[in-house]
């Protein structure tokens, strides 16, 4: 019996990467404690978030069991289904607070744009792997069009935060597939030239967020309120923080969206500069491990997918910390494994599962 249980256990953990699992679980525990502090007057959210984490860990384990060759098969169908769902959102989606992002299934609502965070890099990685033997300029053009379709549909909802994350995930695949620095420089120059035109296409609230970033005090009770209160909370934490459950900005409800997008402000007030330093180290360990897995991948598909997943995680962290600390506009991007919410947590967990799959299956025969 003991030998049988040992074999079962080895089978369960065979495709889990220890360092990735340890750091991810540590971030989840820190996040759970911070969510409890941010929502102490609504403790049901603590249990809901614990359930989200359990689902995320199960999704991570399930994806880790699939070798990259099988993951590749999901690229095209997931992408096609995702784009179709985005089109359905455009025509039949539920409108909440001026944004049409959700589809109603009767018993629940779904946000199809979250699916594209995984589907786009899978699709593009499959496309470049298929054409690896003879990559030409036209392949990068086609890949860019494949990325542009979901990006435009998501931005149109409007959901700038998710559009940025999907666009970044797709761009990282194209970059790791061999996009030259000359082309990247040209794209940056074109983006700079197109900035005035893009500015006219932004919604009023998006333009206001950018202007508020320059000087939040121009609208301290409106669009500048989020940045002002979050920076006050971060600064009031000092070197060592006020202690768990002792944050005044948090518990006097000055911090908006304190359990979701602005959870870093809650953590900073309670844990201070030292806690933020430790949090940054955890994220750097996670990103460093992901880049190591990408560098050791045995196929083009695995390499570009692992690189995209890892740098997408970096984008989550950079954008969230940037907007909470007032150096980037507020775009509604959660802090990975810390912010309350199930959809983003499961999506990120699937990404970690993909990294585990690539790492533990890298010795398989290349196909």
Protein backbone atom coordinates (compact mmCIF):
# COMPACT_ATOMS: atom_id res chain seq x y z
CA UNK A 1 0.00 0.00 0.00
CA UNK A 2 2.82 2.37 0.88
CA UNK A 3 4.53 1.75 -2.47
CA UNK A 4 1.24 2.29 -4.31
CA UNK A 5 0.60 5.61 -2.54
CA UNK A 6 4.17 6.68 -3.29
CA UNK A 7 3.67 5.97 -7.01
CA UNK A 8 0.39 7.91 -7.02
CA UNK A 9 2.07 10.86 -5.30
CA UNK A 10 4.98 10.86 -7.74
CA UNK A 11 2.51 10.80 -10.62
CA UNK A 12 0.63 13.78 -9.18
CA UNK A 13 3.72 15.95 -8.74
CA UNK A 14 5.78 14.68 -11.68
CA UNK A 15 5.00 17.68 -13.89
CA UNK A 16 4.98 20.39 -11.23
CA UNK A 17 7.93 22.75 -11.06
CA UNK A 18 8.93 23.22 -7.43
CA UNK A 19 10.28 26.79 -7.58
CA UNK A 20 7.32 28.05 -9.63
CA UNK A 21 4.80 26.34 -7.35
CA UNK A 22 6.48 27.61 -4.18
CA UNK A 23 6.65 31.26 -5.27
CA UNK A 24 3.13 31.21 -6.74
CA UNK A 25 1.69 29.70 -3.56
CA UNK A 26 3.57 32.26 -1.43
CA UNK A 27 2.07 35.11 -3.47
CA UNK A 28 -1.39 33.58 -3.12
CA UNK A 29 -1.07 33.36 0.67
CA UNK A 30 0.15 36.97 0.90
CA UNK A 31 -2.70 37.98 -1.39
CA UNK A 32 -5.28 36.12 0.70
CA UNK A 33 -4.12 37.86 3.88
CA UNK A 34 -4.25 41.25 2.15
CA UNK A 35 -7.71 40.60 0.68
CA UNK A 36 -8.92 39.72 4.20
CA UNK A 37 -7.59 43.02 5.51
CA UNK A 38 -9.10 44.97 2.61
CA UNK A 39 -12.52 43.32 2.99
CA UNK A 40 -12.68 42.56 6.72
CA UNK A 41 -16.26 43.87 6.77
CA UNK A 42 -17.25 41.39 4.03
CA UNK A 43 -15.53 38.16 5.03
CA UNK A 44 -17.36 36.11 2.42
CA UNK A 45 -14.87 37.51 -0.09
CA UNK A 46 -12.06 35.78 1.79
CA UNK A 47 -13.69 32.39 1.23
CA UNK A 48 -14.59 33.24 -2.35
CA UNK A 49 -10.98 34.17 -3.04
CA UNK A 50 -9.77 30.97 -1.35
CA UNK A 51 -12.11 29.07 -3.69
CA UNK A 52 -10.72 31.00 -6.67
CA UNK A 53 -7.21 30.03 -5.61
CA UNK A 54 -8.18 26.37 -5.30
CA UNK A 55 -9.65 26.44 -8.81
CA UNK A 56 -6.55 28.21 -10.08
CA UNK A 57 -4.22 25.61 -8.55
CA UNK A 58 -6.31 22.79 -10.06
CA UNK A 59 -6.18 24.49 -13.47
CA UNK A 60 -2.41 24.92 -13.08
CA UNK A 61 -1.96 21.24 -12.27
CA UNK A 62 -4.18 20.09 -15.15
CA UNK A 63 -2.37 22.24 -17.74
CA UNK A 64 1.03 21.13 -16.42
CA UNK A 65 0.13 17.52 -17.25
CA UNK A 66 -0.29 18.32 -20.95
CA UNK A 67 2.90 18.18 -23.05
CA UNK A 68 3.55 21.18 -25.33
CA UNK A 69 2.61 19.08 -28.38
CA UNK A 70 -0.92 18.77 -27.00
CA UNK A 71 -1.08 22.39 -25.87
CA UNK A 72 -0.27 23.36 -29.46
CA UNK A 73 -3.47 21.74 -30.67
CA UNK A 74 -5.57 24.15 -28.59
CA UNK A 75 -4.13 27.26 -30.28
CA UNK A 76 -6.35 27.52 -33.34
CA UNK A 77 -9.70 26.42 -31.80
CA UNK A 78 -9.26 28.62 -28.72
CA UNK A 79 -8.39 31.61 -30.88
CA UNK A 80 -11.35 31.09 -33.23
CA UNK A 81 -13.79 30.57 -30.36
CA UNK A 82 -12.40 33.61 -28.54
CA UNK A 83 -12.76 35.92 -31.55
CA UNK A 84 -16.31 34.67 -32.20
CA UNK A 85 -17.22 35.36 -28.56
CA UNK A 86 -15.75 38.86 -28.82
CA UNK A 87 -17.92 39.50 -31.89
CA UNK A 88 -20.96 38.25 -29.97
CA UNK A 89 -20.06 40.63 -27.12
CA UNK A 90 -20.03 43.49 -29.63
CA UNK A 91 -23.62 42.72 -30.70
CA UNK A 92 -25.21 41.05 -27.67
CA UNK A 93 -22.95 41.85 -24.72
CA UNK A 94 -24.13 43.23 -21.38
CA UNK A 95 -23.29 46.90 -20.86
CA UNK A 96 -22.07 47.86 -17.39
CA UNK A 97 -20.73 51.32 -16.51
CA UNK A 98 -20.49 52.24 -20.17
CA UNK A 99 -18.48 49.15 -21.17
CA UNK A 100 -19.80 46.15 -23.09
CA UNK A 101 -17.49 43.32 -21.96
CA UNK A 102 -19.64 40.44 -20.77
CA UNK A 103 -21.87 37.75 -22.24
CA UNK A 104 -24.77 36.42 -20.21
CA UNK A 105 -25.17 32.64 -20.02
CA UNK A 106 -28.32 32.87 -17.91
CA UNK A 107 -26.81 31.50 -14.70
CA UNK A 108 -23.62 33.57 -14.89
CA UNK A 109 -21.67 36.10 -16.94
CA UNK A 110 -18.41 35.46 -18.80
CA UNK A 111 -15.75 37.87 -20.05
CA UNK A 112 -14.44 36.39 -23.33
CA UNK A 113 -11.50 38.81 -23.47
CA UNK A 114 -9.82 36.85 -20.64
CA UNK A 115 -9.71 33.76 -22.89
CA UNK A 116 -7.68 35.70 -25.46
CA UNK A 117 -4.86 36.26 -22.93
CA UNK A 118 -4.06 32.56 -23.39
CA UNK A 119 -5.50 31.97 -26.87
CA UNK A 120 -3.50 34.70 -28.66
CA UNK A 121 -0.01 33.58 -27.57
CA UNK A 122 -0.97 29.92 -28.17
CA UNK A 123 -2.22 30.73 -31.66
CA UNK A 124 0.81 32.81 -32.62
CA UNK A 125 3.26 30.30 -31.14
CA UNK A 126 1.57 27.55 -33.18
CA UNK A 127 1.72 29.71 -36.31
CA UNK A 128 5.45 30.44 -36.00
CA UNK A 129 6.22 26.82 -35.12
CA UNK A 130 4.37 25.66 -38.23
CA UNK A 131 6.38 28.02 -40.44
CA UNK A 132 9.68 27.75 -38.56
CA UNK A 133 11.61 26.30 -41.51
CA UNK A 134 11.04 29.32 -43.77
CA UNK A 135 10.04 32.41 -41.79
CA UNK A 136 9.61 35.45 -44.00
CA UNK A 137 8.41 39.03 -43.59
CA UNK A 138 4.90 38.00 -44.62
CA UNK A 139 4.67 35.62 -41.67
CA UNK A 140 5.24 38.49 -39.25
CA UNK A 141 2.62 40.54 -41.11
CA UNK A 142 0.05 37.73 -40.82
CA UNK A 143 0.90 37.27 -37.14
CA UNK A 144 0.40 41.00 -36.57
CA UNK A 145 -3.03 40.82 -38.21
CA UNK A 146 -3.95 37.81 -36.06
CA UNK A 147 -3.05 39.92 -33.03
CA UNK A 148 -4.73 43.10 -34.25
CA UNK A 149 -8.21 41.52 -34.61
CA UNK A 150 -8.77 40.59 -30.93
CA UNK A 151 -6.87 43.69 -29.76
CA UNK A 152 -9.21 45.99 -31.70
CA UNK A 153 -12.34 44.13 -30.57
CA UNK A 154 -11.32 44.33 -26.91
CA UNK A 155 -10.26 47.99 -27.12
CA UNK A 156 -13.63 48.75 -28.73
CA UNK A 157 -15.58 47.43 -25.70
CA UNK A 158 -13.79 49.57 -24.25
CA UNK A 159 -11.35 47.64 -22.04
CA UNK A 160 -7.95 49.26 -22.43
CA UNK A 161 -6.31 47.26 -19.62
CA UNK A 162 -7.16 43.86 -21.09
CA UNK A 163 -6.37 45.08 -24.62
CA UNK A 164 -2.89 46.09 -23.45
CA UNK A 165 -2.31 42.69 -21.84
CA UNK A 166 -3.53 40.76 -24.90
CA UNK A 167 -1.51 42.99 -27.21
CA UNK A 168 1.60 42.58 -25.07
CA UNK A 169 1.23 38.77 -24.94
CA UNK A 170 0.98 38.60 -28.73
CA UNK A 171 3.83 41.05 -29.31
CA UNK A 172 6.14 39.03 -27.06
CA UNK A 173 5.53 35.92 -29.18
CA UNK A 174 6.34 37.86 -32.37
CA UNK A 175 9.44 39.33 -30.72
CA UNK A 176 10.79 35.97 -29.52
CA UNK A 177 10.08 34.50 -32.96
CA UNK A 178 12.81 36.74 -34.38
CA UNK A 179 11.36 40.18 -35.04
CA UNK A 180 14.30 42.47 -35.80
CA UNK A 181 15.17 45.51 -33.72
CA UNK A 182 15.02 47.65 -36.86
CA UNK A 183 11.35 46.76 -37.29
CA UNK A 184 10.68 47.41 -33.61
CA UNK A 185 12.32 50.84 -33.94
CA UNK A 186 10.19 51.59 -36.96
CA UNK A 187 7.03 50.55 -35.12
CA UNK A 188 7.91 52.78 -32.17
CA UNK A 189 8.48 55.71 -34.53
CA UNK A 190 5.16 55.02 -36.25
CA UNK A 191 3.41 54.81 -32.89
CA UNK A 192 4.86 58.17 -31.92
CA UNK A 193 3.69 59.71 -35.18
CA UNK A 194 0.21 58.21 -34.75
CA UNK A 195 -0.13 59.38 -31.13
CA UNK A 196 -2.12 62.55 -31.97
CA UNK A 197 -4.56 60.51 -34.06
CA UNK A 198 -4.89 57.87 -31.32
CA UNK A 199 -5.55 60.64 -28.80
CA UNK A 200 -8.63 61.75 -30.76
CA UNK A 201 -9.93 58.16 -30.72
CA UNK A 202 -9.69 57.74 -26.96
CA UNK A 203 -12.80 57.96 -24.82
CA UNK A 204 -13.19 61.02 -22.62
CA UNK A 205 -12.50 59.08 -19.44
CA UNK A 206 -9.31 57.60 -20.96
CA UNK A 207 -7.98 61.04 -21.93
CA UNK A 208 -8.86 62.31 -18.47
CA UNK A 209 -6.86 59.51 -16.85
CA UNK A 210 -3.77 60.42 -18.85
CA UNK A 211 -4.09 64.11 -18.04
CA UNK A 212 -4.69 63.31 -14.39
CA UNK A 213 -1.47 61.29 -14.34
CA UNK A 214 0.46 64.49 -15.06
CA UNK A 215 -1.26 66.39 -12.22
CA UNK A 216 -3.76 64.45 -10.07
CA UNK A 217 -4.59 67.58 -8.06
CA UNK A 218 -6.46 69.06 -11.03
CA UNK A 219 -9.37 66.75 -10.13
CA UNK A 220 -8.75 65.52 -6.55
CA UNK A 221 -12.31 64.30 -6.00
CA UNK A 222 -12.76 62.85 -9.48
CA UNK A 223 -10.31 61.14 -11.79
CA UNK A 224 -7.34 62.06 -9.58
CA UNK A 225 -8.84 60.55 -6.43
CA UNK A 226 -7.53 57.02 -7.02
CA UNK A 227 -3.91 58.09 -7.52
CA UNK A 228 -3.89 60.60 -4.65
CA UNK A 229 -5.30 58.16 -2.10
CA UNK A 230 -3.13 55.23 -3.19
CA UNK A 231 0.07 57.30 -3.01
CA UNK A 232 -0.93 58.58 0.44
CA UNK A 233 -1.42 54.96 1.60
CA UNK A 234 1.91 53.84 0.14
CA UNK A 235 3.78 56.73 1.76
CA UNK A 236 2.07 56.34 5.12
CA UNK A 237 3.38 52.77 5.40
CA UNK A 238 6.89 54.04 5.99
CA UNK A 239 9.76 51.57 6.22
CA UNK A 240 8.06 48.75 8.11
CA UNK A 241 4.33 49.43 7.70
CA UNK A 242 1.54 49.95 10.21
CA UNK A 243 0.89 46.24 10.67
CA UNK A 244 -1.71 43.79 9.41
CA UNK A 245 -5.29 45.09 9.77
CA UNK A 246 -3.91 48.43 11.05
CA UNK A 247 -4.00 50.48 7.85
CA UNK A 248 -6.05 53.64 8.42
CA UNK A 249 -6.37 54.57 4.76
CA UNK A 250 -7.68 51.07 4.11
CA UNK A 251 -10.13 50.69 6.96
CA UNK A 252 -11.46 54.23 6.76
CA UNK A 253 -12.24 53.35 3.11
CA UNK A 254 -10.19 56.08 1.47
CA UNK A 255 -8.58 53.64 -0.97
CA UNK A 256 -10.91 52.85 -3.91
CA UNK A 257 -11.04 49.33 -5.36
CA UNK A 258 -8.81 48.34 -2.45
CA UNK A 259 -9.35 44.58 -2.80
CA UNK A 260 -8.86 44.46 -6.59
CA UNK A 261 -6.76 46.85 -8.69
CA UNK A 262 -5.41 48.86 -5.74
CA UNK A 263 -4.58 46.03 -3.37
CA UNK A 264 -0.90 47.03 -3.53
CA UNK A 265 -1.80 50.25 -1.70
CA UNK A 266 -3.32 48.17 1.12
CA UNK A 267 -0.27 45.92 1.28
CA UNK A 268 2.14 48.89 1.20
CA UNK A 269 0.36 50.68 4.04
CA UNK A 270 0.46 47.57 6.23
CA UNK A 271 3.90 46.18 5.28
CA UNK A 272 5.84 49.27 4.28
CA UNK A 273 8.97 49.49 2.18
CA UNK A 274 10.36 46.22 3.58
CA UNK A 275 7.22 44.30 2.60
CA UNK A 276 7.25 45.83 -0.88
CA UNK A 277 10.88 44.78 -1.28
CA UNK A 278 10.03 41.19 -0.38
CA UNK A 279 7.05 41.26 -2.75
CA UNK A 280 9.27 42.49 -5.59
CA UNK A 281 11.76 39.70 -4.89
CA UNK A 282 8.97 37.11 -5.16
CA UNK A 283 7.85 38.50 -8.52
CA UNK A 284 11.46 38.67 -9.77
CA UNK A 285 11.98 35.03 -8.79
CA UNK A 286 8.82 34.05 -10.67
CA UNK A 287 9.80 36.01 -13.78
CA UNK A 288 13.41 34.83 -13.62
CA UNK A 289 12.32 31.19 -13.41
CA UNK A 290 10.01 31.69 -16.38
CA UNK A 291 12.78 33.19 -18.51
CA UNK A 292 15.06 30.31 -17.54
CA UNK A 293 12.42 27.82 -18.70
CA UNK A 294 12.03 29.75 -21.99
CA UNK A 295 15.79 29.70 -22.57
CA UNK A 296 15.94 25.92 -22.02
CA UNK A 297 12.87 25.07 -24.15
CA UNK A 298 13.47 22.45 -26.84
CA UNK A 299 11.18 23.78 -29.61
CA UNK A 300 10.33 27.15 -31.11
CA UNK A 301 6.71 26.77 -29.97
CA UNK A 302 7.75 26.14 -26.38
CA UNK A 303 10.36 28.90 -26.36
CA UNK A 304 8.18 31.72 -27.70
CA UNK A 305 5.17 30.62 -25.62
CA UNK A 306 7.18 30.45 -22.39
CA UNK A 307 8.75 33.83 -23.14
CA UNK A 308 5.35 35.38 -23.84
CA UNK A 309 3.76 33.97 -20.68
CA UNK A 310 6.67 35.18 -18.55
CA UNK A 311 6.83 38.71 -19.98
CA UNK A 312 3.03 38.95 -19.82
CA UNK A 313 3.34 38.30 -16.09
CA UNK A 314 5.95 41.08 -15.95
CA UNK A 315 3.52 43.38 -17.78
CA UNK A 316 0.79 42.67 -15.20
CA UNK A 317 3.15 43.53 -12.35
CA UNK A 318 4.70 46.60 -14.00
CA UNK A 319 1.40 48.15 -15.11
CA UNK A 320 -0.38 47.52 -11.78
CA UNK A 321 2.47 48.82 -9.63
CA UNK A 322 2.94 51.74 -12.00
CA UNK A 323 -0.68 52.87 -11.86
CA UNK A 324 -0.98 52.41 -8.08
CA UNK A 325 2.18 54.44 -7.47
CA UNK A 326 1.13 57.15 -9.92
CA UNK A 327 3.64 56.71 -12.74
CA UNK A 328 1.16 55.13 -15.20
CA UNK A 329 -2.50 55.88 -15.99
CA UNK A 330 -5.17 53.85 -14.21
CA UNK A 331 -6.17 51.10 -16.67
CA UNK A 332 -7.66 48.40 -14.45
CA UNK A 333 -4.98 45.69 -14.38
CA UNK A 334 -4.91 43.34 -11.34
CA UNK A 335 -1.78 42.48 -9.35
CA UNK A 336 -0.98 38.81 -10.14
CA UNK A 337 -2.10 36.32 -7.47
CA UNK A 338 -2.82 39.18 -5.06
CA UNK A 339 -5.91 41.00 -6.36
CA UNK A 340 -9.37 39.65 -5.60
CA UNK A 341 -11.12 38.01 -8.54
CA UNK A 342 -11.44 34.60 -10.14
CA UNK A 343 -11.07 35.08 -13.88
CA UNK A 344 -7.67 36.76 -13.90
CA UNK A 345 -6.39 34.43 -11.17
CA UNK A 346 -7.33 31.32 -13.16
CA UNK A 347 -5.85 32.80 -16.35
CA UNK A 348 -2.55 33.52 -14.59
CA UNK A 349 -2.55 30.05 -13.03
CA UNK A 350 -3.01 28.50 -16.47
CA UNK A 351 0.01 30.52 -17.61
CA UNK A 352 2.11 29.09 -14.75
CA UNK A 353 0.84 25.62 -15.69
CA UNK A 354 2.04 26.20 -19.27
CA UNK A 355 5.51 27.07 -17.97
CA UNK A 356 5.52 23.90 -15.85
CA UNK A 357 4.47 21.82 -18.85
CA UNK A 358 7.22 23.26 -21.04
CA UNK A 359 9.85 22.71 -18.35
CA UNK A 360 8.95 19.14 -17.36
CA UNK A 361 8.28 17.89 -20.90
CA UNK A 362 11.26 19.56 -22.59
CA UNK A 363 13.11 16.24 -23.08
CA UNK A 364 10.31 14.77 -25.21
CA UNK A 365 11.02 14.05 -28.85
CA UNK A 366 10.55 17.15 -30.99
CA UNK A 367 7.62 17.02 -33.41
